[in-house]
Amino acid sequence: MESLNRLMGAAAIDRRVIAVTKLSLTAHTTQTKATSHTIRRHQQGREQVSGVGILLC
């Protein structure tokens, strides 16, 4: 009976670890998307700035 309880406890811990891993993976993916979006925005900004620079010249 005790070994069954240990197995159940281990399974619960495994589930928790999996849930945390999924959460951190989701957070990481979201962060990566946000970062690439920010980089894209910066690149577009630079292009706009260089376009304005050409107009000013």
PDB file of N, CA and C in Angstrom:
ATOM      1  N   MET A   1       0.833  -1.207   0.000  1.00  0.00           N
ATOM      2  CA  MET A   1       0.000   0.000   0.000  1.00  0.00           C
ATOM      3  C   MET A   1       0.869   1.260   0.000  1.00  0.00           C
ATOM      4  N   GLU A   2       1.931   1.233   0.763  1.00  0.00           N
ATOM      5  CA  GLU A   2       2.813   2.405   0.834  1.00  0.00           C
ATOM      6  C   GLU A   2       3.456   2.678  -0.519  1.00  0.00           C
ATOM      7  N   SER A   3       3.863   1.604  -1.203  1.00  0.00           N
ATOM      8  CA  SER A   3       4.498   1.790  -2.508  1.00  0.00           C
ATOM      9  C   SER A   3       3.513   2.402  -3.506  1.00  0.00           C
ATOM     10  N   LEU A   4       2.231   2.054  -3.393  1.00  0.00           N
ATOM     11  CA  LEU A   4       1.209   2.623  -4.264  1.00  0.00           C
ATOM     12  C   LEU A   4       1.099   4.132  -4.017  1.00  0.00           C
ATOM     13  N   ASN A   5       1.118   4.529  -2.747  1.00  0.00           N
ATOM     14  CA  ASN A   5       1.063   5.951  -2.401  1.00  0.00           C
ATOM     15  C   ASN A   5       2.276   6.682  -2.958  1.00  0.00           C
ATOM     16  N   ARG A   6       3.435   6.050  -2.877  1.00  0.00           N
ATOM     17  CA  ARG A   6       4.662   6.673  -3.418  1.00  0.00           C
ATOM     18  C   ARG A   6       4.526   6.869  -4.915  1.00  0.00           C
ATOM     19  N   LEU A   7       4.003   5.852  -5.597  1.00  0.00           N
ATOM     20  CA  LEU A   7       3.815   5.955  -7.046  1.00  0.00           C
ATOM     21  C   LEU A   7       2.849   7.087  -7.384  1.00  0.00           C
ATOM     22  N   MET A   8       1.753   7.179  -6.607  1.00  0.00           N
ATOM     23  CA  MET A   8       0.763   8.244  -6.842  1.00  0.00           C
ATOM     24  C   MET A   8       1.411   9.608  -6.613  1.00  0.00           C
ATOM     25  N   GLY A   9       2.220   9.715  -5.570  1.00  0.00           N
ATOM     26  CA  GLY A   9       2.919  10.955  -5.270  1.00  0.00           C
ATOM     27  C   GLY A   9       3.866  11.329  -6.393  1.00  0.00           C
ATOM     28  N   ALA A  10       4.600  10.343  -6.895  1.00  0.00           N
ATOM     29  CA  ALA A  10       5.549  10.568  -7.991  1.00  0.00           C
ATOM     30  C   ALA A  10       4.796  11.014  -9.244  1.00  0.00           C
ATOM     31  N   ALA A  11       3.641  10.395  -9.497  1.00  0.00           N
ATOM     32  CA  ALA A  11       2.842  10.756 -10.676  1.00  0.00           C
ATOM     33  C   ALA A  11       2.356  12.203 -10.557  1.00  0.00           C
ATOM     34  N   ALA A  12       1.945  12.595  -9.340  1.00  0.00           N
ATOM     35  CA  ALA A  12       1.470  13.968  -9.122  1.00  0.00           C
ATOM     36  C   ALA A  12       2.610  14.952  -9.360  1.00  0.00           C
ATOM     37  N   ILE A  13       3.804  14.620  -8.883  1.00  0.00           N
ATOM     38  CA  ILE A  13       4.975  15.482  -9.077  1.00  0.00           C
ATOM     39  C   ILE A  13       5.285  15.574 -10.568  1.00  0.00           C
ATOM     40  N   ASP A  14       5.229  14.427 -11.256  1.00  0.00           N
ATOM     41  CA  ASP A  14       5.477  14.420 -12.703  1.00  0.00           C
ATOM     42  C   ASP A  14       4.509  15.353 -13.412  1.00  0.00           C
ATOM     43  N   ARG A  15       3.242  15.286 -13.030  1.00  0.00           N
ATOM     44  CA  ARG A  15       2.234  16.135 -13.666  1.00  0.00           C
ATOM     45  C   ARG A  15       2.553  17.600 -13.424  1.00  0.00           C
ATOM     46  N   ARG A  16       2.983  17.914 -12.204  1.00  0.00           N
ATOM     47  CA  ARG A  16       3.328  19.296 -11.873  1.00  0.00           C
ATOM     48  C   ARG A  16       4.513  19.754 -12.706  1.00  0.00           C
ATOM     49  N   VAL A  17       5.518  18.899 -12.821  1.00  0.00           N
ATOM     50  CA  VAL A  17       6.717  19.241 -13.600  1.00  0.00           C
ATOM     51  C   VAL A  17       6.330  19.492 -15.059  1.00  0.00           C
ATOM     52  N   ILE A  18       5.478  18.628 -15.598  1.00  0.00           N
ATOM     53  CA  ILE A  18       5.038  18.774 -16.995  1.00  0.00           C
ATOM     54  C   ILE A  18       4.284  20.091 -17.167  1.00  0.00           C
ATOM     55  N   ALA A  19       3.408  20.413 -16.212  1.00  0.00           N
ATOM     56  CA  ALA A  19       2.625  21.649 -16.292  1.00  0.00           C
ATOM     57  C   ALA A  19       3.548  22.863 -16.261  1.00  0.00           C
ATOM     58  N   VAL A  20       4.509  22.858 -15.361  1.00  0.00           N
ATOM     59  CA  VAL A  20       5.461  23.972 -15.252  1.00  0.00           C
ATOM     60  C   VAL A  20       6.282  24.084 -16.527  1.00  0.00           C
ATOM     61  N   THR A  21       6.720  22.941 -17.056  1.00  0.00           N
ATOM     62  CA  THR A  21       7.511  22.936 -18.288  1.00  0.00           C
ATOM     63  C   THR A  21       6.699  23.524 -19.435  1.00  0.00           C
ATOM     64  N   LYS A  22       5.437  23.125 -19.536  1.00  0.00           N
ATOM     65  CA  LYS A  22       4.568  23.658 -20.593  1.00  0.00           C
ATOM     66  C   LYS A  22       4.425  25.161 -20.439  1.00  0.00           C
ATOM     67  N   LEU A  23       4.220  25.617 -19.201  1.00  0.00           N
ATOM     68  CA  LEU A  23       4.064  27.055 -18.946  1.00  0.00           C
ATOM     69  C   LEU A  23       5.312  27.814 -19.357  1.00  0.00           C
ATOM     70  N   SER A  24       6.471  27.312 -18.964  1.00  0.00           N
ATOM     71  CA  SER A  24       7.715  28.024 -19.279  1.00  0.00           C
ATOM     72  C   SER A  24       7.970  28.006 -20.784  1.00  0.00           C
ATOM     73  N   LEU A  25       7.627  26.921 -21.448  1.00  0.00           N
ATOM     74  CA  LEU A  25       7.784  26.854 -22.907  1.00  0.00           C
ATOM     75  C   LEU A  25       6.867  27.867 -23.583  1.00  0.00           C
ATOM     76  N   THR A  26       5.625  27.956 -23.099  1.00  0.00           N
ATOM     77  CA  THR A  26       4.670  28.909 -23.661  1.00  0.00           C
ATOM     78  C   THR A  26       5.171  30.330 -23.457  1.00  0.00           C
ATOM     79  N   ALA A  27       5.644  30.614 -22.257  1.00  0.00           N
ATOM     80  CA  ALA A  27       6.160  31.950 -21.945  1.00  0.00           C
ATOM     81  C   ALA A  27       7.346  32.274 -22.850  1.00  0.00           C
ATOM     82  N   HIS A  28       8.224  31.293 -23.039  1.00  0.00           N
ATOM     83  CA  HIS A  28       9.416  31.498 -23.872  1.00  0.00           C
ATOM     84  C   HIS A  28       9.013  31.783 -25.318  1.00  0.00           C
ATOM     85  N   THR A  29       8.051  31.020 -25.822  1.00  0.00           N
ATOM     86  CA  THR A  29       7.582  31.210 -27.201  1.00  0.00           C
ATOM     87  C   THR A  29       6.988  32.598 -27.364  1.00  0.00           C
ATOM     88  N   THR A  30       6.170  33.012 -26.400  1.00  0.00           N
ATOM     89  CA  THR A  30       5.543  34.338 -26.441  1.00  0.00           C
ATOM     90  C   THR A  30       6.606  35.417 -26.432  1.00  0.00           C
ATOM     91  N   GLN A  31       7.607  35.240 -25.568  1.00  0.00           N
ATOM     92  CA  GLN A  31       8.690  36.211 -25.455  1.00  0.00           C
ATOM     93  C   GLN A  31       9.448  36.304 -26.781  1.00  0.00           C
ATOM     94  N   THR A  32       9.735  35.156 -27.379  1.00  0.00           N
ATOM     95  CA  THR A  32      10.471  35.128 -28.646  1.00  0.00           C
ATOM     96  C   THR A  32       9.679  35.857 -29.727  1.00  0.00           C
ATOM     97  N   LYS A  33       8.383  35.605 -29.782  1.00  0.00           N
ATOM     98  CA  LYS A  33       7.531  36.278 -30.778  1.00  0.00           C
ATOM     99  C   LYS A  33       7.562  37.783 -30.554  1.00  0.00           C
ATOM    100  N   ALA A  34       7.436  38.198 -29.290  1.00  0.00           N
ATOM    101  CA  ALA A  34       7.441  39.623 -28.965  1.00  0.00           C
ATOM    102  C   ALA A  34       8.772  40.251 -29.361  1.00  0.00           C
ATOM    103  N   THR A  35       9.871  39.541 -29.090  1.00  0.00           N
ATOM    104  CA  THR A  35      11.200  40.063 -29.417  1.00  0.00           C
ATOM    105  C   THR A  35      11.359  40.218 -30.924  1.00  0.00           C
ATOM    106  N   SER A  36      10.984  39.208 -31.682  1.00  0.00           N
ATOM    107  CA  SER A  36      11.131  39.286 -33.140  1.00  0.00           C
ATOM    108  C   SER A  36      10.242  40.393 -33.694  1.00  0.00           C
ATOM    109  N   HIS A  37       9.074  40.603 -33.071  1.00  0.00           N
ATOM    110  CA  HIS A  37       8.173  41.673 -33.506  1.00  0.00           C
ATOM    111  C   HIS A  37       8.826  43.035 -33.252  1.00  0.00           C
ATOM    112  N   THR A  38       9.455  43.167 -32.082  1.00  0.00           N
ATOM    113  CA  THR A  38      10.138  44.423 -31.736  1.00  0.00           C
ATOM    114  C   THR A  38      11.282  44.674 -32.704  1.00  0.00           C
ATOM    115  N   ILE A  39      12.051  43.631 -33.014  1.00  0.00           N
ATOM    116  CA  ILE A  39      13.177  43.770 -33.955  1.00  0.00           C
ATOM    117  C   ILE A  39      12.637  44.217 -35.314  1.00  0.00           C
ATOM    118  N   ARG A  40      11.552  43.596 -35.752  1.00  0.00           N
ATOM    119  CA  ARG A  40      10.947  43.953 -37.039  1.00  0.00           C
ATOM    120  C   ARG A  40      10.537  45.421 -37.030  1.00  0.00           C
ATOM    121  N   ARG A  41       9.936  45.859 -35.914  1.00  0.00           N
ATOM    122  CA  ARG A  41       9.488  47.239 -35.811  1.00  0.00           C
ATOM    123  C   ARG A  41      10.675  48.194 -35.897  1.00  0.00           C
ATOM    124  N   HIS A  42      11.786  47.818 -35.255  1.00  0.00           N
ATOM    125  CA  HIS A  42      12.990  48.650 -35.292  1.00  0.00           C
ATOM    126  C   HIS A  42      13.525  48.744 -36.720  1.00  0.00           C
ATOM    127  N   GLN A  43      13.546  47.606 -37.424  1.00  0.00           N
ATOM    128  CA  GLN A  43      14.045  47.598 -38.797  1.00  0.00           C
ATOM    129  C   GLN A  43      13.178  48.497 -39.678  1.00  0.00           C
ATOM    130  N   GLN A  44      11.862  48.418 -39.500  1.00  0.00           N
ATOM    131  CA  GLN A  44      10.957  49.266 -40.278  1.00  0.00           C
ATOM    132  C   GLN A  44      11.220  50.729 -39.939  1.00  0.00           C
ATOM    133  N   GLY A  45      11.434  51.002 -38.653  1.00  0.00           N
ATOM    134  CA  GLY A  45      11.706  52.366 -38.213  1.00  0.00           C
ATOM    135  C   GLY A  45      12.952  52.913 -38.863  1.00  0.00           C
ATOM    136  N   ARG A  46      14.001  52.089 -38.931  1.00  0.00           N
ATOM    137  CA  ARG A  46      15.264  52.506 -39.548  1.00  0.00           C
ATOM    138  C   ARG A  46      15.051  52.817 -41.020  1.00  0.00           C
ATOM    139  N   GLU A  47      14.276  51.977 -41.702  1.00  0.00           N
ATOM    140  CA  GLU A  47      14.009  52.214 -43.126  1.00  0.00           C
ATOM    141  C   GLU A  47      13.283  53.542 -43.308  1.00  0.00           C
ATOM    142  N   GLN A  48      12.309  53.801 -42.427  1.00  0.00           N
ATOM    143  CA  GLN A  48      11.561  55.068 -42.513  1.00  0.00           C
ATOM    144  C   GLN A  48      12.498  56.253 -42.268  1.00  0.00           C
ATOM    145  N   VAL A  49      13.375  56.108 -41.279  1.00  0.00           N
ATOM    146  CA  VAL A  49      14.311  57.183 -40.955  1.00  0.00           C
ATOM    147  C   VAL A  49      15.247  57.438 -42.135  1.00  0.00           C
ATOM    148  N   SER A  50      15.773  56.360 -42.745  1.00  0.00           N
ATOM    149  CA  SER A  50      16.688  56.550 -43.871  1.00  0.00           C
ATOM    150  C   SER A  50      15.937  57.174 -45.054  1.00  0.00           C
ATOM    151  N   GLY A  51      14.653  56.832 -45.218  1.00  0.00           N
ATOM    152  CA  GLY A  51      13.843  57.426 -46.283  1.00  0.00           C
ATOM    153  C   GLY A  51      13.680  58.913 -46.057  1.00  0.00           C
ATOM    154  N   VAL A  52      13.450  59.306 -44.807  1.00  0.00           N
ATOM    155  CA  VAL A  52      13.309  60.725 -44.465  1.00  0.00           C
ATOM    156  C   VAL A  52      14.640  61.427 -44.690  1.00  0.00           C
ATOM    157  N   GLY A  53      15.736  60.750 -44.338  1.00  0.00           N
ATOM    158  CA  GLY A  53      17.072  61.315 -44.530  1.00  0.00           C
ATOM    159  C   GLY A  53      17.332  61.621 -45.995  1.00  0.00           C
ATOM    160  N   ILE A  54      16.901  60.742 -46.860  1.00  0.00           N
ATOM    161  CA  ILE A  54      17.090  60.938 -48.297  1.00  0.00           C
ATOM    162  C   ILE A  54      16.265  62.146 -48.762  1.00  0.00           C
ATOM    163  N   LEU A  55      15.043  62.255 -48.230  1.00  0.00           N
ATOM    164  CA  LEU A  55      14.180  63.390 -48.603  1.00  0.00           C
ATOM    165  C   LEU A  55      14.801  64.707 -48.146  1.00  0.00           C
ATOM    166  N   LEU A  56      15.389  64.698 -46.947  1.00  0.00           N
ATOM    167  CA  LEU A  56      15.978  65.922 -46.401  1.00  0.00           C
ATOM    168  C   LEU A  56      17.200  66.347 -47.215  1.00  0.00           C
ATOM    169  N   CYS A  57      17.949  65.372 -47.702  1.00  0.00           N
ATOM    170  CA  CYS A  57      19.143  65.695 -48.484  1.00  0.00           C
ATOM    171  C   CYS A  57      18.705  66.274 -49.836  1.00  0.00           C
TER     172      CYS A  57
END
